[in-house]
């Protein structure tokens, strides 16, 4: 039988063994780890922080107690823990002798029920929607036939095989894969970096910039899909300048990236179908439209032919037009000949008295000319008599060497040869060497002509 408390108390204290601090710490550590080797603890996260080494430190609390916790960087998390989340942590209780405390070494974290996770997502969705990240007016139209398609997904899953297979069936295109983990810790950051990385590629560079992006993963639990509910992924999708299709999970799965994407596909295969049309259907449609175009042109040509024939029936034959024009030309030629002969007869009648009329006119012209000539001769004789009469009174006509009549003294150079014409003869003279000052008008007694 075990000893009673009273008996234990009766043991002399001096007989109790003395442990060192390290021994007591080791005994406590062994005792706690043996009794709490694997536990699940429910509580609210507080003080979550990640240090430079990659390890995370936080505490779990409820209304009455707090439990320090540590999560090593090797632990795989399915979502990003935050303060205030109610979670269930699975791990083992151990002690930390250096601080004389006990703590939970966490090996897995899960949200405490779907309700808590849905509440978290609803709050996050409302916050992002209020910022306008889900607005319909900011969504871009998908290109009809992209030349290059960028895919962000796991390189080893069935998703990328399904997408490539569907694209090959419908319309083969160039596909660029940006491999990322699609669940667990760090997946959200890598998905967001892949979306931003595709957008940073230069158009026409190597590798080429995609015309369309597909972010995809297969189905899974709500916790598995949590990376696509993280703000960093939602904001990267909303900021993408390249049109983006979200294809996360199955038809019934909905993540926040679906609201920020330009188009949501229920499955990755459906995303490939949205990305490109069916090549055979396009060829068939082209053939159909080509046939319709040929039929339409043939019908139009038939209509034009009918219009031309109808117009031809309403118009006279060109031969009849030419015959009518030739007949009119003959008529005009005949009438012109008759008119010319008539004019010739009229002209002949009028020309009969032309010589007589011309003779009379010439006689009248000669008589009139003779009379005018006699009048001019009489006027010339009268003028000459007047000149002789003036010169008989002592006036002299002075001519220069060229025979020009000089009327001003200024025109006579000293020593110039002159000819003085009197009424009864002419006398040569020479101008004086000294230039004389001409008299003013009041001193003149005579006038040189």
Protein backbone atom coordinates (compact mmCIF):
# COMPACT_ATOMS: atom_id res chain seq x y z
CA UNK A 1 0.00 0.00 0.00
CA UNK A 2 1.14 3.55 -0.60
CA UNK A 3 2.06 5.70 2.27
CA UNK A 4 -0.49 8.15 3.53
CA UNK A 5 0.20 11.86 3.51
CA UNK A 6 0.47 11.77 7.26
CA UNK A 7 3.12 9.08 7.10
CA UNK A 8 5.06 10.93 4.45
CA UNK A 9 4.97 14.03 6.52
CA UNK A 10 6.30 12.03 9.43
CA UNK A 11 9.50 11.18 7.52
CA UNK A 12 12.26 13.37 8.87
CA UNK A 13 13.07 16.18 6.41
CA UNK A 14 16.73 15.58 6.93
CA UNK A 15 16.39 12.15 5.34
CA UNK A 16 15.02 13.56 2.00
CA UNK A 17 17.52 13.48 -0.87
CA UNK A 18 18.83 16.83 -2.09
CA UNK A 19 18.47 17.29 -5.84
CA UNK A 20 20.36 19.72 -7.92
CA UNK A 21 18.45 22.23 -10.02
CA UNK A 22 19.39 20.39 -13.20
CA UNK A 23 18.23 17.09 -11.72
CA UNK A 24 14.89 18.51 -10.69
CA UNK A 25 14.52 20.07 -14.17
CA UNK A 26 15.35 16.75 -15.82
CA UNK A 27 12.90 14.84 -13.57
CA UNK A 28 10.13 17.31 -14.33
CA UNK A 29 10.89 17.21 -18.07
CA UNK A 30 10.84 13.41 -18.14
CA UNK A 31 7.65 13.22 -16.04
CA UNK A 32 5.78 15.76 -18.17
CA UNK A 33 6.90 14.30 -21.49
CA UNK A 34 5.95 10.78 -20.41
CA UNK A 35 2.45 11.82 -19.37
CA UNK A 36 1.83 14.34 -22.18
CA UNK A 37 3.72 12.76 -25.08
CA UNK A 38 0.99 13.59 -27.63
CA UNK A 39 -1.86 16.04 -26.89
CA UNK A 40 -4.34 18.25 -28.73
CA UNK A 41 -4.91 21.63 -27.17
CA UNK A 42 -7.65 24.07 -28.12
CA UNK A 43 -7.20 27.79 -27.57
CA UNK A 44 -6.88 31.24 -29.05
CA UNK A 45 -3.59 32.33 -30.65
CA UNK A 46 -1.93 35.34 -29.06
CA UNK A 47 1.48 36.94 -29.63
CA UNK A 48 2.24 35.07 -32.87
CA UNK A 49 5.69 35.94 -34.21
CA UNK A 50 8.23 34.40 -36.57
CA UNK A 51 11.88 34.99 -35.73
CA UNK A 52 14.86 35.14 -38.07
CA UNK A 53 15.56 31.43 -37.72
CA UNK A 54 12.13 30.63 -39.15
CA UNK A 55 10.71 29.27 -35.88
CA UNK A 56 7.40 30.64 -34.62
CA UNK A 57 6.59 31.49 -31.01
CA UNK A 58 3.12 32.19 -29.64
CA UNK A 59 0.78 31.32 -26.82
CA UNK A 60 -2.55 29.56 -26.57
CA UNK A 61 -5.00 31.07 -24.15
CA UNK A 62 -8.50 30.62 -22.87
CA UNK A 63 -10.44 32.38 -20.14
CA UNK A 64 -8.28 31.12 -17.26
CA UNK A 65 -4.81 30.11 -18.51
CA UNK A 66 -2.03 30.64 -21.00
CA UNK A 67 0.16 27.97 -22.60
CA UNK A 68 3.44 28.97 -24.24
CA UNK A 69 3.95 27.27 -27.59
CA UNK A 70 6.66 26.89 -30.20
CA UNK A 71 6.37 25.78 -33.84
CA UNK A 72 9.61 24.79 -35.51
CA UNK A 73 10.23 25.98 -39.07
CA UNK A 74 10.12 22.40 -40.34
CA UNK A 75 6.46 22.14 -39.32
CA UNK A 76 4.12 22.21 -42.32
CA UNK A 77 1.21 24.61 -41.88
CA UNK A 78 -1.89 24.58 -44.08
CA UNK A 79 -2.76 28.22 -43.42
CA UNK A 80 -1.17 31.35 -42.04
CA UNK A 81 -1.93 31.65 -38.32
CA UNK A 82 -2.90 35.05 -36.94
CA UNK A 83 -3.65 36.49 -33.54
CA UNK A 84 -7.22 35.91 -32.45
CA UNK A 85 -7.69 32.65 -34.37
CA UNK A 86 -9.21 29.79 -32.39
CA UNK A 87 -7.19 26.73 -33.24
CA UNK A 88 -6.45 23.19 -32.17
CA UNK A 89 -2.72 22.49 -31.85
CA UNK A 90 -1.36 18.97 -31.89
CA UNK A 91 2.01 18.30 -30.28
CA UNK A 92 3.78 17.39 -27.07
CA UNK A 93 4.27 19.14 -23.74
CA UNK A 94 7.84 19.70 -22.67
CA UNK A 95 9.77 21.96 -20.37
CA UNK A 96 12.30 24.66 -21.03
CA UNK A 97 14.77 24.41 -18.13
CA UNK A 98 16.51 27.63 -19.03
CA UNK A 99 13.35 29.58 -18.20
CA UNK A 100 11.80 27.19 -15.69
CA UNK A 101 8.61 26.86 -17.72
CA UNK A 102 6.70 24.36 -19.71
CA UNK A 103 5.55 24.75 -23.33
CA UNK A 104 3.76 23.01 -26.16
CA UNK A 105 5.90 21.94 -29.12
CA UNK A 106 3.39 22.17 -31.97
CA UNK A 107 3.48 19.65 -34.79
CA UNK A 108 0.20 20.66 -36.51
CA UNK A 109 -2.28 23.52 -36.31
CA UNK A 110 -5.86 23.41 -37.46
CA UNK A 111 -8.68 25.83 -37.08
CA UNK A 112 -11.13 24.97 -34.33
CA UNK A 113 -14.03 24.00 -36.55
CA UNK A 114 -15.14 25.04 -40.03
CA UNK A 115 -17.29 27.76 -38.55
CA UNK A 116 -14.29 29.66 -37.23
CA UNK A 117 -12.52 29.42 -40.57
CA UNK A 118 -15.60 30.53 -42.49
CA UNK A 119 -15.99 33.46 -40.15
CA UNK A 120 -12.37 34.43 -40.80
CA UNK A 121 -12.86 34.17 -44.57
CA UNK A 122 -16.08 36.19 -44.44
CA UNK A 123 -14.36 39.00 -42.57
CA UNK A 124 -11.41 38.96 -44.98
CA UNK A 125 -13.72 38.90 -48.00
CA UNK A 126 -15.68 41.90 -46.71
CA UNK A 127 -12.46 43.80 -46.10
CA UNK A 128 -11.05 43.14 -49.57
CA UNK A 129 -14.39 43.83 -51.26
CA UNK A 130 -14.56 47.20 -49.52
CA UNK A 131 -11.23 48.05 -51.14
CA UNK A 132 -12.73 47.38 -54.58
CA UNK A 133 -10.62 44.33 -55.40
CA UNK A 134 -13.68 42.31 -56.43
CA UNK A 135 -15.38 45.05 -58.52
CA UNK A 136 -16.73 43.86 -61.87
CA UNK A 137 -15.65 47.00 -63.72
CA UNK A 138 -11.98 46.26 -63.07
CA UNK A 139 -12.10 42.77 -64.56
CA UNK A 140 -10.41 42.32 -67.94
CA UNK A 141 -11.69 40.40 -70.95
CA UNK A 142 -9.87 37.19 -71.79
CA UNK A 143 -8.01 37.11 -75.14
CA UNK A 144 -9.82 35.04 -77.76
CA UNK A 145 -6.76 33.04 -78.80
CA UNK A 146 -3.71 33.66 -76.55
CA UNK A 147 -0.35 32.80 -78.08
CA UNK A 148 1.31 32.12 -74.71
CA UNK A 149 -0.42 30.85 -71.55
CA UNK A 150 1.23 31.04 -68.13
CA UNK A 151 0.22 28.42 -65.54
CA UNK A 152 0.86 28.76 -61.81
CA UNK A 153 0.49 25.37 -60.12
CA UNK A 154 2.37 22.39 -58.75
CA UNK A 155 4.66 20.75 -61.33
CA UNK A 156 3.99 17.22 -60.04
CA UNK A 157 0.22 17.07 -59.65
CA UNK A 158 -2.45 15.94 -62.06
CA UNK A 159 -3.56 19.55 -62.56
CA UNK A 160 -0.82 20.55 -64.99
CA UNK A 161 -1.24 17.30 -66.94
CA UNK A 162 -4.98 17.90 -67.26
CA UNK A 163 -4.44 21.47 -68.46
CA UNK A 164 -1.81 20.52 -71.04
CA UNK A 165 -3.91 17.61 -72.29
CA UNK A 166 -7.00 19.79 -72.68
CA UNK A 167 -5.08 22.52 -74.48
CA UNK A 168 -3.59 19.95 -76.88
CA UNK A 169 -7.06 18.64 -77.67
CA UNK A 170 -8.62 22.05 -78.25
CA UNK A 171 -5.94 24.32 -79.67
CA UNK A 172 -2.22 23.73 -78.97
CA UNK A 173 -0.56 26.79 -77.46
CA UNK A 174 2.78 27.66 -75.88
CA UNK A 175 2.53 27.03 -72.11
CA UNK A 176 4.90 28.43 -69.48
CA UNK A 177 4.77 26.70 -66.09
CA UNK A 178 5.76 28.55 -62.92
CA UNK A 179 6.07 25.71 -60.37
CA UNK A 180 4.82 26.49 -56.84
CA UNK A 181 3.60 24.53 -53.81
CA UNK A 182 -0.18 24.76 -53.65
CA UNK A 183 -0.68 24.12 -49.94
CA UNK A 184 1.16 24.44 -46.70
CA UNK A 185 3.27 27.19 -45.22
CA UNK A 186 4.85 29.54 -47.75
CA UNK A 187 2.57 28.45 -50.59
CA UNK A 188 0.65 31.74 -50.63
CA UNK A 189 3.85 33.80 -50.88
CA UNK A 190 5.14 31.69 -53.77
CA UNK A 191 1.85 31.81 -55.67
CA UNK A 192 1.75 35.61 -55.33
CA UNK A 193 5.40 35.84 -56.43
CA UNK A 194 4.65 33.70 -59.51
CA UNK A 195 1.76 35.96 -60.58
CA UNK A 196 3.92 39.06 -60.14
CA UNK A 197 6.84 37.35 -61.91
CA UNK A 198 4.79 36.59 -65.02
CA UNK A 199 3.66 40.24 -65.10
CA UNK A 200 7.27 41.45 -64.95
CA UNK A 201 8.25 39.57 -68.12
CA UNK A 202 8.85 41.84 -71.11
CA UNK A 203 6.61 41.49 -74.14
CA UNK A 204 8.50 39.73 -76.92
CA UNK A 205 11.32 38.77 -74.56
CA UNK A 206 12.73 35.39 -73.67
CA UNK A 207 10.80 33.81 -72.11
CA UNK A 208 7.83 35.58 -73.69
CA UNK A 209 5.24 37.37 -71.58
CA UNK A 210 2.01 35.33 -71.36
CA UNK A 211 -1.22 36.66 -72.83
CA UNK A 212 -3.23 34.77 -70.20
CA UNK A 213 -2.59 33.33 -66.71
CA UNK A 214 -4.16 30.28 -65.08
CA UNK A 215 -3.76 29.80 -61.31
CA UNK A 216 -4.82 26.25 -60.52
CA UNK A 217 -4.81 23.39 -58.03
CA UNK A 218 -6.92 20.31 -57.44
CA UNK A 219 -9.56 19.79 -54.80
CA UNK A 220 -8.93 19.57 -51.09
CA UNK A 221 -10.20 20.50 -47.67
CA UNK A 222 -10.86 24.05 -46.68
CA UNK A 223 -7.55 24.10 -44.84
CA UNK A 224 -5.72 22.79 -47.92
CA UNK A 225 -7.14 25.63 -50.03
CA UNK A 226 -6.24 28.33 -47.50
CA UNK A 227 -3.20 29.67 -49.47
CA UNK A 228 -5.63 30.89 -52.12
CA UNK A 229 -7.60 32.76 -49.46
CA UNK A 230 -4.58 34.71 -48.24
CA UNK A 231 -4.53 38.46 -48.84
CA UNK A 232 -1.16 38.36 -50.58
CA UNK A 233 -2.54 36.02 -53.28
CA UNK A 234 -5.80 37.92 -53.68
CA UNK A 235 -3.97 41.24 -54.06
CA UNK A 236 -1.51 39.77 -56.57
CA UNK A 237 -4.40 38.45 -58.69
CA UNK A 238 -6.21 41.79 -58.56
CA UNK A 239 -3.03 43.69 -59.52
CA UNK A 240 -2.22 41.44 -62.49
CA UNK A 241 -2.14 43.32 -65.79
CA UNK A 242 -2.41 39.97 -67.59
CA UNK A 243 -5.96 38.51 -67.66
CA UNK A 244 -6.17 35.76 -65.05
CA UNK A 245 -8.34 32.65 -64.66
CA UNK A 246 -8.74 31.14 -61.19
CA UNK A 247 -9.17 27.34 -61.17
CA UNK A 248 -8.80 26.26 -57.55
CA UNK A 249 -10.46 23.10 -56.26
CA UNK A 250 -13.62 21.47 -57.57
CA UNK A 251 -16.89 23.06 -58.68
CA UNK A 252 -18.22 23.53 -55.15
CA UNK A 253 -14.97 25.00 -53.81
CA UNK A 254 -14.76 28.76 -53.59
CA UNK A 255 -11.69 30.75 -52.59
CA UNK A 256 -11.09 34.49 -52.36
CA UNK A 257 -8.85 34.47 -55.44
CA UNK A 258 -11.96 33.50 -57.43
CA UNK A 259 -13.47 36.92 -56.69
CA UNK A 260 -10.31 38.84 -57.64
CA UNK A 261 -9.63 36.87 -60.83
CA UNK A 262 -10.96 38.08 -64.17
CA UNK A 263 -12.69 34.72 -64.67
CA UNK A 264 -13.40 31.74 -62.37
CA UNK A 265 -13.26 28.20 -63.70
CA UNK A 266 -14.92 25.39 -61.72
CA UNK A 267 -11.99 23.05 -62.45
CA UNK A 268 -8.49 23.29 -63.98
CA UNK A 269 -9.77 21.44 -67.05
CA UNK A 270 -12.55 24.00 -67.45
CA UNK A 271 -9.90 26.76 -67.22
CA UNK A 272 -8.11 25.25 -70.24
CA UNK A 273 -11.43 25.19 -72.09
CA UNK A 274 -11.99 28.87 -71.27
CA UNK A 275 -8.46 29.76 -72.38
CA UNK A 276 -8.70 28.61 -76.01
CA UNK A 277 -11.43 27.74 -78.52
CA UNK A 278 -11.69 24.35 -80.20
CA UNK A 279 -9.51 24.39 -83.31
CA UNK A 280 -11.67 21.91 -85.23
CA UNK A 281 -14.76 23.92 -84.37
CA UNK A 282 -13.06 27.06 -85.63
CA UNK A 283 -12.10 25.34 -88.88
CA UNK A 284 -15.65 24.08 -89.28
CA UNK A 285 -17.03 27.52 -88.54
CA UNK A 286 -14.63 29.07 -91.04
CA UNK A 287 -15.73 26.58 -93.69
CA UNK A 288 -19.38 27.28 -92.93
CA UNK A 289 -18.88 31.02 -93.06
CA UNK A 290 -16.79 30.70 -96.22
CA UNK A 291 -19.58 28.73 -97.88
CA UNK A 292 -22.15 31.25 -96.69
CA UNK A 293 -20.00 34.09 -98.01
CA UNK A 294 -19.62 32.36 -101.40
CA UNK A 295 -23.38 31.74 -101.58
CA UNK A 296 -24.09 35.33 -100.64
CA UNK A 297 -21.73 36.61 -103.34
CA UNK A 298 -23.25 34.27 -105.92
CA UNK A 299 -26.72 35.46 -104.95
CA UNK A 300 -25.61 39.07 -105.19
CA UNK A 301 -24.12 38.48 -108.64
CA UNK A 302 -27.39 36.89 -109.77
CA UNK A 303 -29.31 39.89 -108.49
CA UNK A 304 -26.94 42.25 -110.30
CA UNK A 305 -27.29 40.25 -113.50
CA UNK A 306 -31.06 40.42 -113.23
CA UNK A 307 -30.90 44.19 -112.73
CA UNK A 308 -28.59 44.59 -115.73
CA UNK A 309 -30.85 42.47 -117.92
CA UNK A 310 -33.90 44.44 -116.80
CA UNK A 311 -32.12 47.69 -117.58
CA UNK A 312 -31.02 46.28 -120.95
CA UNK A 313 -34.63 45.55 -121.87
CA UNK A 314 -35.61 49.13 -121.07
CA UNK A 315 -32.83 50.67 -123.18
CA UNK A 316 -32.75 50.93 -127.01
CA UNK A 317 -30.24 48.81 -128.89
CA UNK A 318 -26.95 50.65 -129.57
CA UNK A 319 -27.29 49.88 -133.28
CA UNK A 320 -30.60 51.69 -133.46
CA UNK A 321 -29.03 54.67 -131.67
CA UNK A 322 -26.21 54.75 -134.22
CA UNK A 323 -28.60 54.42 -137.16
CA UNK A 324 -30.74 57.26 -135.86
CA UNK A 325 -27.65 59.42 -135.34
CA UNK A 326 -26.38 58.60 -138.88
CA UNK A 327 -29.75 59.52 -140.36
CA UNK A 328 -29.78 62.83 -138.49
CA UNK A 329 -26.22 63.51 -139.73
CA UNK A 330 -27.23 62.88 -143.34
CA UNK A 331 -30.24 65.18 -142.94
CA UNK A 332 -28.10 67.95 -141.46
CA UNK A 333 -25.50 67.56 -144.23
CA UNK A 334 -28.16 67.83 -146.93
CA UNK A 335 -29.76 70.84 -145.32
CA UNK A 336 -26.34 72.48 -144.93
CA UNK A 337 -25.60 72.00 -148.66
CA UNK A 338 -28.93 73.55 -149.62
CA UNK A 339 -28.28 76.48 -147.29
CA UNK A 340 -24.83 77.07 -148.77
CA UNK A 341 -26.20 77.06 -152.33
CA UNK A 342 -28.93 79.49 -151.29
CA UNK A 343 -26.40 81.81 -149.70
CA UNK A 344 -24.26 81.61 -152.82
CA UNK A 345 -27.22 82.73 -154.99
CA UNK A 346 -27.97 85.64 -152.62
CA UNK A 347 -24.32 86.68 -152.61
CA UNK A 348 -24.13 86.53 -156.41
CA UNK A 349 -27.17 88.83 -156.73
CA UNK A 350 -25.72 91.30 -154.23
CA UNK A 351 -22.29 91.36 -155.93
CA UNK A 352 -23.68 92.50 -159.31
CA UNK A 353 -23.68 96.25 -158.41
CA UNK A 354 -20.51 96.08 -156.31
CA UNK A 355 -18.14 97.37 -159.12
CA UNK A 356 -20.36 100.37 -159.79
CA UNK A 357 -20.69 101.18 -156.12
CA UNK A 358 -16.93 100.77 -155.70
CA UNK A 359 -16.18 103.08 -158.64
CA UNK A 360 -18.48 105.76 -157.24
CA UNK A 361 -16.86 105.48 -153.84
CA UNK A 362 -13.36 105.79 -155.28
CA UNK A 363 -14.35 108.85 -157.28
CA UNK A 364 -15.86 110.44 -154.17
CA UNK A 365 -12.74 109.61 -152.16
CA UNK A 366 -10.43 111.19 -154.77
CA UNK A 367 -12.51 114.35 -154.98
CA UNK A 368 -12.63 114.73 -151.21
CA UNK A 369 -8.86 114.13 -150.94
CA UNK A 370 -8.10 116.69 -153.60
CA UNK A 371 -10.22 119.27 -151.80
CA UNK A 372 -8.46 118.61 -148.47
CA UNK A 373 -5.05 118.83 -150.17
CA UNK A 374 -5.86 122.17 -151.76
CA UNK A 375 -6.97 123.50 -148.37
CA UNK A 376 -3.73 122.41 -146.74
CA UNK A 377 -1.68 123.97 -149.55
CA UNK A 378 -3.52 127.26 -149.12
CA UNK A 379 -2.89 127.19 -145.35
CA UNK A 380 0.81 126.41 -145.92
CA UNK A 381 1.14 129.28 -148.39
CA UNK A 382 -0.58 131.63 -145.96
CA UNK A 383 1.78 130.55 -143.16
CA UNK A 384 4.85 131.07 -145.35
CA UNK A 385 3.66 134.53 -146.34
CA UNK A 386 3.12 135.33 -142.66
CA UNK A 387 6.67 134.20 -141.85
CA UNK A 388 8.16 136.28 -144.63
CA UNK A 389 6.16 139.26 -143.47
CA UNK A 390 7.44 138.87 -139.91
CA UNK A 391 11.03 138.43 -141.01
CA UNK A 392 10.76 141.47 -143.27
CA UNK A 393 10.26 143.49 -140.07
CA UNK A 394 13.79 142.56 -138.86
CA UNK A 395 13.35 139.13 -137.29
CA UNK A 396 16.02 136.51 -137.95
CA UNK A 397 15.80 132.70 -137.84
CA UNK A 398 18.92 131.19 -136.23
CA UNK A 399 19.97 127.64 -137.08
CA UNK A 400 22.73 125.56 -135.53
CA UNK A 401 25.27 123.36 -137.25
CA UNK A 402 22.74 120.53 -137.58
CA UNK A 403 20.18 122.83 -139.15
CA UNK A 404 18.00 122.90 -136.03
CA UNK A 405 16.25 126.20 -135.26
CA UNK A 406 17.67 127.66 -132.02
CA UNK A 407 15.17 129.48 -129.82
CA UNK A 408 17.21 130.04 -126.63
CA UNK A 409 20.63 131.54 -126.05
CA UNK A 410 21.39 128.75 -123.64
CA UNK A 411 21.49 126.35 -126.58
CA UNK A 412 24.31 128.31 -128.30
CA UNK A 413 27.80 127.27 -127.27
CA UNK A 414 30.66 129.84 -127.55
CA UNK A 415 32.38 129.54 -130.94
CA UNK A 416 29.53 127.53 -132.44
CA UNK A 417 28.78 127.93 -136.16
CA UNK A 418 25.40 129.53 -136.83
CA UNK A 419 23.29 130.32 -139.87
CA UNK A 420 21.27 133.54 -139.73
CA UNK A 421 18.32 133.47 -142.09
CA UNK A 422 16.89 136.90 -143.11
CA UNK A 423 13.84 137.48 -145.26
CA UNK A 424 16.02 137.95 -148.27
CA UNK A 425 18.87 135.43 -147.65
CA UNK A 426 21.08 133.59 -145.14
CA UNK A 427 24.35 134.69 -143.55
CA UNK A 428 26.79 132.32 -141.72
CA UNK A 429 28.00 133.47 -138.30
CA UNK A 430 30.04 132.34 -135.32
CA UNK A 431 28.94 132.74 -131.70
CA UNK A 432 31.11 134.95 -129.48
CA UNK A 433 33.76 133.27 -127.26
CA UNK A 434 32.48 135.00 -124.18
CA UNK A 435 29.11 133.87 -123.03
CA UNK A 436 26.70 136.70 -122.65
CA UNK A 437 24.09 136.97 -120.00
CA UNK A 438 20.78 136.74 -121.76
CA UNK A 439 18.42 139.62 -121.42
CA UNK A 440 15.29 139.39 -119.43
CA UNK A 441 11.89 139.41 -121.15
CA UNK A 442 11.45 143.17 -120.55
CA UNK A 443 14.56 143.93 -122.70
CA UNK A 444 13.58 141.98 -125.73
CA UNK A 445 12.73 144.04 -128.83
CA UNK A 446 12.27 141.25 -131.22
CA UNK A 447 11.62 137.49 -131.24
CA UNK A 448 13.80 134.83 -132.64
CA UNK A 449 11.88 132.28 -134.67
